[in-house]
PDB file of all heavy atoms in Angstrom:
ATOM      1  N   GLU A   1       0.376  27.375 -37.238  1.00  0.00           N
ATOM      2  CA  GLU A   1      -0.586  27.110 -38.334  1.00  0.00           C
ATOM      3  C   GLU A   1      -0.464  25.683 -38.887  1.00  0.00           C
ATOM      4  O   GLU A   1      -1.447  25.065 -39.190  1.00  0.00           O
ATOM      5  CB  GLU A   1      -0.431  28.108 -39.434  1.00  0.00           C
ATOM      6  CG  GLU A   1      -0.992  29.503 -39.042  1.00  0.00           C
ATOM      7  CD  GLU A   1      -0.737  30.531 -40.128  1.00  0.00           C
ATOM      8  OE1 GLU A   1      -0.176  30.140 -41.181  1.00  0.00           O
ATOM      9  OE2 GLU A   1      -1.194  31.659 -39.942  1.00  0.00           O
ATOM     10  N   VAL A   2       0.758  25.233 -39.044  1.00  0.00           N
ATOM     11  CA  VAL A   2       0.984  23.909 -39.578  1.00  0.00           C
ATOM     12  C   VAL A   2       0.677  22.834 -38.557  1.00  0.00           C
ATOM     13  O   VAL A   2       1.223  22.872 -37.481  1.00  0.00           O
ATOM     14  CB  VAL A   2       2.459  23.734 -40.020  1.00  0.00           C
ATOM     15  CG1 VAL A   2       2.676  22.367 -40.631  1.00  0.00           C
ATOM     16  CG2 VAL A   2       2.789  24.814 -41.065  1.00  0.00           C
ATOM     17  N   LYS A   3      -0.221  21.973 -38.912  1.00  0.00           N
ATOM     18  CA  LYS A   3      -0.623  20.857 -38.021  1.00  0.00           C
ATOM     19  C   LYS A   3       0.392  19.752 -38.110  1.00  0.00           C
ATOM     20  O   LYS A   3       0.514  19.082 -39.126  1.00  0.00           O
ATOM     21  CB  LYS A   3      -2.035  20.387 -38.302  1.00  0.00           C
ATOM     22  CG  LYS A   3      -3.071  21.443 -38.015  1.00  0.00           C
ATOM     23  CD  LYS A   3      -4.478  20.874 -38.286  1.00  0.00           C
ATOM     24  CE  LYS A   3      -5.582  21.899 -37.999  1.00  0.00           C
ATOM     25  NZ  LYS A   3      -6.910  21.415 -38.211  1.00  0.00           N
ATOM     26  N   VAL A   4       1.127  19.506 -37.051  1.00  0.00           N
ATOM     27  CA  VAL A   4       2.109  18.414 -37.014  1.00  0.00           C
ATOM     28  C   VAL A   4       1.860  17.532 -35.816  1.00  0.00           C
ATOM     29  O   VAL A   4       1.157  17.950 -34.856  1.00  0.00           O
ATOM     30  CB  VAL A   4       3.539  18.956 -36.955  1.00  0.00           C
ATOM     31  CG1 VAL A   4       3.885  19.697 -38.208  1.00  0.00           C
ATOM     32  CG2 VAL A   4       3.782  19.794 -35.724  1.00  0.00           C
ATOM     33  N   TYR A   5       2.391  16.348 -35.854  1.00  0.00           N
ATOM     34  CA  TYR A   5       2.250  15.432 -34.683  1.00  0.00           C
ATOM     35  C   TYR A   5       3.350  15.773 -33.705  1.00  0.00           C
ATOM     36  O   TYR A   5       4.514  15.470 -33.945  1.00  0.00           O
ATOM     37  CB  TYR A   5       2.365  14.048 -35.132  1.00  0.00           C
ATOM     38  CG  TYR A   5       2.229  13.034 -34.013  1.00  0.00           C
ATOM     39  CD1 TYR A   5       0.991  12.755 -33.438  1.00  0.00           C
ATOM     40  CD2 TYR A   5       3.354  12.394 -33.490  1.00  0.00           C
ATOM     41  CE1 TYR A   5       0.858  11.875 -32.394  1.00  0.00           C
ATOM     42  CE2 TYR A   5       3.251  11.495 -32.456  1.00  0.00           C
ATOM     43  CZ  TYR A   5       1.976  11.231 -31.917  1.00  0.00           C
ATOM     44  OH  TYR A   5       1.889  10.366 -30.872  1.00  0.00           O
ATOM     45  N   TRP A   6       3.027  16.452 -32.629  1.00  0.00           N
ATOM     46  CA  TRP A   6       4.017  16.894 -31.664  1.00  0.00           C
ATOM     47  C   TRP A   6       4.487  15.663 -30.837  1.00  0.00           C
ATOM     48  O   TRP A   6       3.735  14.993 -30.213  1.00  0.00           O
ATOM     49  CB  TRP A   6       3.433  17.933 -30.666  1.00  0.00           C
ATOM     50  CG  TRP A   6       3.068  19.215 -31.369  1.00  0.00           C
ATOM     51  CD1 TRP A   6       1.818  19.632 -31.622  1.00  0.00           C
ATOM     52  CD2 TRP A   6       3.989  20.229 -31.818  1.00  0.00           C
ATOM     53  NE1 TRP A   6       1.853  20.837 -32.268  1.00  0.00           N
ATOM     54  CE2 TRP A   6       3.168  21.250 -32.379  1.00  0.00           C
ATOM     55  CE3 TRP A   6       5.334  20.382 -31.801  1.00  0.00           C
ATOM     56  CZ2 TRP A   6       3.766  22.410 -32.909  1.00  0.00           C
ATOM     57  CZ3 TRP A   6       5.925  21.506 -32.335  1.00  0.00           C
ATOM     58  CH2 TRP A   6       5.117  22.511 -32.880  1.00  0.00           C
ATOM     59  N   PRO A   7       5.801  15.460 -30.805  1.00  0.00           N
ATOM     60  CA  PRO A   7       6.328  14.391 -29.940  1.00  0.00           C
ATOM     61  C   PRO A   7       6.097  14.718 -28.489  1.00  0.00           C
ATOM     62  O   PRO A   7       5.970  15.871 -28.133  1.00  0.00           O
ATOM     63  CB  PRO A   7       7.808  14.337 -30.257  1.00  0.00           C
ATOM     64  CG  PRO A   7       7.968  15.102 -31.545  1.00  0.00           C
ATOM     65  CD  PRO A   7       6.867  16.102 -31.536  1.00  0.00           C
ATOM     66  N   GLN A   8       6.039  13.710 -27.646  1.00  0.00           N
ATOM     67  CA  GLN A   8       5.856  13.896 -26.196  1.00  0.00           C
ATOM     68  C   GLN A   8       7.115  14.506 -25.587  1.00  0.00           C
ATOM     69  O   GLN A   8       8.196  14.232 -26.010  1.00  0.00           O
ATOM     70  CB  GLN A   8       5.576  12.528 -25.566  1.00  0.00           C
ATOM     71  CG  GLN A   8       5.855  12.463 -24.069  1.00  0.00           C
ATOM     72  CD  GLN A   8       6.662  11.335 -23.734  1.00  0.00           C
ATOM     73  OE1 GLN A   8       6.419  10.200 -24.174  1.00  0.00           O
ATOM     74  NE2 GLN A   8       7.673  11.473 -22.939  1.00  0.00           N
ATOM     75  N   GLN A   9       6.897  15.415 -24.624  1.00  0.00           N
ATOM     76  CA  GLN A   9       8.021  15.969 -23.883  1.00  0.00           C
ATOM     77  C   GLN A   9       7.907  15.612 -22.406  1.00  0.00           C
ATOM     78  O   GLN A   9       6.793  15.469 -21.863  1.00  0.00           O
ATOM     79  CB  GLN A   9       8.077  17.485 -24.063  1.00  0.00           C
ATOM     80  CG  GLN A   9       8.626  17.878 -25.401  1.00  0.00           C
ATOM     81  CD  GLN A   9       8.966  19.349 -25.454  1.00  0.00           C
ATOM     82  OE1 GLN A   9       8.186  20.145 -25.950  1.00  0.00           O
ATOM     83  NE2 GLN A   9      10.146  19.705 -25.007  1.00  0.00           N
ATOM     84  N   THR A  10       9.058  15.373 -21.798  1.00  0.00           N
ATOM     85  CA  THR A  10       9.110  14.899 -20.407  1.00  0.00           C
ATOM     86  C   THR A  10       9.585  16.008 -19.482  1.00  0.00           C
ATOM     87  O   THR A  10      10.515  16.718 -19.770  1.00  0.00           O
ATOM     88  CB  THR A  10      10.072  13.727 -20.328  1.00  0.00           C
ATOM     89  OG1 THR A  10       9.706  12.680 -21.166  1.00  0.00           O
ATOM     90  CG2 THR A  10      10.084  13.135 -18.876  1.00  0.00           C
ATOM     91  N   LEU A  11       8.825  16.170 -18.392  1.00  0.00           N
ATOM     92  CA  LEU A  11       9.108  17.222 -17.407  1.00  0.00           C
ATOM     93  C   LEU A  11       9.334  16.544 -16.071  1.00  0.00           C
ATOM     94  O   LEU A  11       8.616  15.661 -15.667  1.00  0.00           O
ATOM     95  CB  LEU A  11       7.917  18.204 -17.260  1.00  0.00           C
ATOM     96  CG  LEU A  11       7.663  19.217 -18.393  1.00  0.00           C
ATOM     97  CD1 LEU A  11       7.208  18.506 -19.657  1.00  0.00           C
ATOM     98  CD2 LEU A  11       6.641  20.200 -17.956  1.00  0.00           C
ATOM     99  N   LYS A  12      10.366  16.968 -15.369  1.00  0.00           N
ATOM    100  CA  LYS A  12      10.682  16.434 -14.058  1.00  0.00           C
ATOM    101  C   LYS A  12       9.996  17.334 -12.969  1.00  0.00           C
ATOM    102  O   LYS A  12      10.010  18.554 -13.067  1.00  0.00           O
ATOM    103  CB  LYS A  12      12.215  16.448 -13.821  1.00  0.00           C
ATOM    104  CG  LYS A  12      12.640  15.767 -12.526  1.00  0.00           C
ATOM    105  CD  LYS A  12      14.132  15.683 -12.415  1.00  0.00           C
ATOM    106  CE  LYS A  12      14.514  14.955 -11.124  1.00  0.00           C
ATOM    107  NZ  LYS A  12      15.986  14.920 -10.986  1.00  0.00           N
ATOM    108  N   VAL A  13       9.345  16.683 -12.009  1.00  0.00           N
ATOM    109  CA  VAL A  13       8.568  17.364 -10.998  1.00  0.00           C
ATOM    110  C   VAL A  13       9.021  16.956  -9.589  1.00  0.00           C
ATOM    111  O   VAL A  13       9.254  15.794  -9.312  1.00  0.00           O
ATOM    112  CB  VAL A  13       7.078  17.055 -11.169  1.00  0.00           C
ATOM    113  CG1 VAL A  13       6.276  17.831 -10.155  1.00  0.00           C
ATOM    114  CG2 VAL A  13       6.606  17.404 -12.569  1.00  0.00           C
ATOM    115  N   THR A  14       9.109  17.933  -8.694  1.00  0.00           N
ATOM    116  CA  THR A  14       9.385  17.648  -7.260  1.00  0.00           C
ATOM    117  C   THR A  14       8.401  18.435  -6.406  1.00  0.00           C
ATOM    118  O   THR A  14       7.559  19.154  -6.900  1.00  0.00           O
ATOM    119  CB  THR A  14      10.826  18.075  -6.919  1.00  0.00           C
ATOM    120  OG1 THR A  14      10.964  19.478  -7.108  1.00  0.00           O
ATOM    121  CG2 THR A  14      11.869  17.350  -7.767  1.00  0.00           C
ATOM    122  N   GLY A  15       8.615  18.329  -5.075  1.00  0.00           N
ATOM    123  CA  GLY A  15       7.856  19.187  -4.196  1.00  0.00           C
ATOM    124  C   GLY A  15       6.669  18.523  -3.514  1.00  0.00           C
ATOM    125  O   GLY A  15       6.017  19.092  -2.644  1.00  0.00           O
ATOM    126  N   TYR A  16       6.336  17.301  -3.914  1.00  0.00           N
ATOM    127  CA  TYR A  16       5.173  16.611  -3.345  1.00  0.00           C
ATOM    128  C   TYR A  16       5.561  15.804  -2.101  1.00  0.00           C
ATOM    129  O   TYR A  16       6.750  15.612  -1.797  1.00  0.00           O
ATOM    130  CB  TYR A  16       4.562  15.646  -4.393  1.00  0.00           C
ATOM    131  CG  TYR A  16       5.587  14.863  -5.112  1.00  0.00           C
ATOM    132  CD1 TYR A  16       6.105  13.685  -4.573  1.00  0.00           C
ATOM    133  CD2 TYR A  16       6.149  15.323  -6.285  1.00  0.00           C
ATOM    134  CE1 TYR A  16       7.095  12.967  -5.233  1.00  0.00           C
ATOM    135  CE2 TYR A  16       7.139  14.619  -6.959  1.00  0.00           C
ATOM    136  CZ  TYR A  16       7.638  13.438  -6.406  1.00  0.00           C
ATOM    137  OH  TYR A  16       8.662  12.767  -7.011  1.00  0.00           O
ATOM    138  N   ASP A  17       4.588  15.208  -1.466  1.00  0.00           N
ATOM    139  CA  ASP A  17       4.831  14.377  -0.241  1.00  0.00           C
ATOM    140  C   ASP A  17       5.302  12.995  -0.701  1.00  0.00           C
ATOM    141  O   ASP A  17       4.544  12.183  -1.231  1.00  0.00           O
ATOM    142  CB  ASP A  17       3.503  14.259   0.521  1.00  0.00           C
ATOM    143  CG  ASP A  17       3.680  13.490   1.824  1.00  0.00           C
ATOM    144  OD1 ASP A  17       4.818  13.027   2.078  1.00  0.00           O
ATOM    145  OD2 ASP A  17       2.742  13.356   2.575  1.00  0.00           O
ATOM    146  N   THR A  18       6.606  12.744  -0.473  1.00  0.00           N
ATOM    147  CA  THR A  18       7.164  11.470  -0.937  1.00  0.00           C
ATOM    148  C   THR A  18       6.707  10.230  -0.078  1.00  0.00           C
ATOM    149  O   THR A  18       7.004   9.105  -0.435  1.00  0.00           O
ATOM    150  CB  THR A  18       8.701  11.524  -0.875  1.00  0.00           C
ATOM    151  OG1 THR A  18       9.093  11.884   0.444  1.00  0.00           O
ATOM    152  CG2 THR A  18       9.236  12.539  -1.884  1.00  0.00           C
ATOM    153  N   SER A  19       5.996  10.525   0.983  1.00  0.00           N
ATOM    154  CA  SER A  19       5.517   9.396   1.817  1.00  0.00           C
ATOM    155  C   SER A  19       4.196   8.773   1.249  1.00  0.00           C
ATOM    156  O   SER A  19       3.786   7.749   1.664  1.00  0.00           O
ATOM    157  CB  SER A  19       5.268   9.868   3.255  1.00  0.00           C
ATOM    158  OG  SER A  19       4.188  10.800   3.281  1.00  0.00           O
ATOM    159  N   LEU A  20       3.632   9.539   0.268  1.00  0.00           N
ATOM    160  CA  LEU A  20       2.378   9.000  -0.361  1.00  0.00           C
ATOM    161  C   LEU A  20       2.675   7.798  -1.249  1.00  0.00           C
ATOM    162  O   LEU A  20       3.780   7.707  -1.766  1.00  0.00           O
ATOM    163  CB  LEU A  20       1.739  10.121  -1.206  1.00  0.00           C
ATOM    164  CG  LEU A  20       1.177  11.341  -0.510  1.00  0.00           C
ATOM    165  CD1 LEU A  20       0.776  12.390  -1.530  1.00  0.00           C
ATOM    166  CD2 LEU A  20      -0.046  10.957   0.354  1.00  0.00           C
ATOM    167  N   PRO A  21       1.690   6.930  -1.422  1.00  0.00           N
ATOM    168  CA  PRO A  21       1.889   5.795  -2.304  1.00  0.00           C
ATOM    169  C   PRO A  21       2.144   6.304  -3.744  1.00  0.00           C
ATOM    170  O   PRO A  21       1.596   7.388  -4.163  1.00  0.00           O
ATOM    171  CB  PRO A  21       0.555   5.083  -2.278  1.00  0.00           C
ATOM    172  CG  PRO A  21      -0.048   5.470  -0.957  1.00  0.00           C
ATOM    173  CD  PRO A  21       0.413   6.887  -0.741  1.00  0.00           C
ATOM    174  N   VAL A  22       2.983   5.584  -4.503  1.00  0.00           N
ATOM    175  CA  VAL A  22       3.346   5.974  -5.837  1.00  0.00           C
ATOM    176  C   VAL A  22       2.148   6.193  -6.710  1.00  0.00           C
ATOM    177  O   VAL A  22       2.077   7.188  -7.470  1.00  0.00           O
ATOM    178  CB  VAL A  22       4.265   4.883  -6.477  1.00  0.00           C
ATOM    179  CG1 VAL A  22       4.415   5.101  -7.989  1.00  0.00           C
ATOM    180  CG2 VAL A  22       5.658   4.901  -5.842  1.00  0.00           C
ATOM    181  N   GLU A  23       1.129   5.331  -6.620  1.00  0.00           N
ATOM    182  CA  GLU A  23      -0.036   5.411  -7.463  1.00  0.00           C
ATOM    183  C   GLU A  23      -0.798   6.701  -7.191  1.00  0.00           C
ATOM    184  O   GLU A  23      -1.322   7.361  -8.146  1.00  0.00           O
ATOM    185  CB  GLU A  23      -0.997   4.234  -7.199  1.00  0.00           C
ATOM    186  CG  GLU A  23      -0.479   2.875  -7.623  1.00  0.00           C
ATOM    187  CD  GLU A  23       0.502   2.302  -6.628  1.00  0.00           C
ATOM    188  OE1 GLU A  23       0.686   2.908  -5.492  1.00  0.00           O
ATOM    189  OE2 GLU A  23       1.166   1.266  -6.958  1.00  0.00           O
ATOM    190  N   ASP A  24      -0.861   7.153  -5.903  1.00  0.00           N
ATOM    191  CA  ASP A  24      -1.549   8.379  -5.564  1.00  0.00           C
ATOM    192  C   ASP A  24      -0.867   9.580  -6.150  1.00  0.00           C
ATOM    193  O   ASP A  24      -1.506  10.503  -6.647  1.00  0.00           O
ATOM    194  CB  ASP A  24      -1.645   8.505  -4.028  1.00  0.00           C
ATOM    195  CG  ASP A  24      -2.600   7.469  -3.426  1.00  0.00           C
ATOM    196  OD1 ASP A  24      -3.310   6.798  -4.168  1.00  0.00           O
ATOM    197  OD2 ASP A  24      -2.650   7.345  -2.194  1.00  0.00           O
ATOM    198  N   ILE A  25       0.488   9.571  -6.085  1.00  0.00           N
ATOM    199  CA  ILE A  25       1.274  10.704  -6.635  1.00  0.00           C
ATOM    200  C   ILE A  25       1.030  10.817  -8.156  1.00  0.00           C
ATOM    201  O   ILE A  25       0.812  11.920  -8.638  1.00  0.00           O
ATOM    202  CB  ILE A  25       2.774  10.507  -6.356  1.00  0.00           C
ATOM    203  CG1 ILE A  25       3.068  10.534  -4.853  1.00  0.00           C
ATOM    204  CG2 ILE A  25       3.575  11.620  -7.042  1.00  0.00           C
ATOM    205  CD1 ILE A  25       4.489  10.209  -4.503  1.00  0.00           C
ATOM    206  N   GLU A  26       1.015   9.734  -8.794  1.00  0.00           N
ATOM    207  CA  GLU A  26       0.771   9.688 -10.277  1.00  0.00           C
ATOM    208  C   GLU A  26      -0.585  10.269 -10.631  1.00  0.00           C
ATOM    209  O   GLU A  26      -0.735  11.107 -11.525  1.00  0.00           O
ATOM    210  CB  GLU A  26       0.936   8.291 -10.836  1.00  0.00           C
ATOM    211  CG  GLU A  26       2.382   7.777 -10.830  1.00  0.00           C
ATOM    212  CD  GLU A  26       2.482   6.360 -11.406  1.00  0.00           C
ATOM    213  OE1 GLU A  26       1.470   5.686 -11.470  1.00  0.00           O
ATOM    214  OE2 GLU A  26       3.621   6.005 -11.781  1.00  0.00           O
TER     215      GLU A  26
END
């Protein structure tokens, strides 16, 4: 109920094709 400014949270992700260009993965 209380509206607050939620800080950003960081999540680590794996499982994708690492041969793809970095920009494409992002």
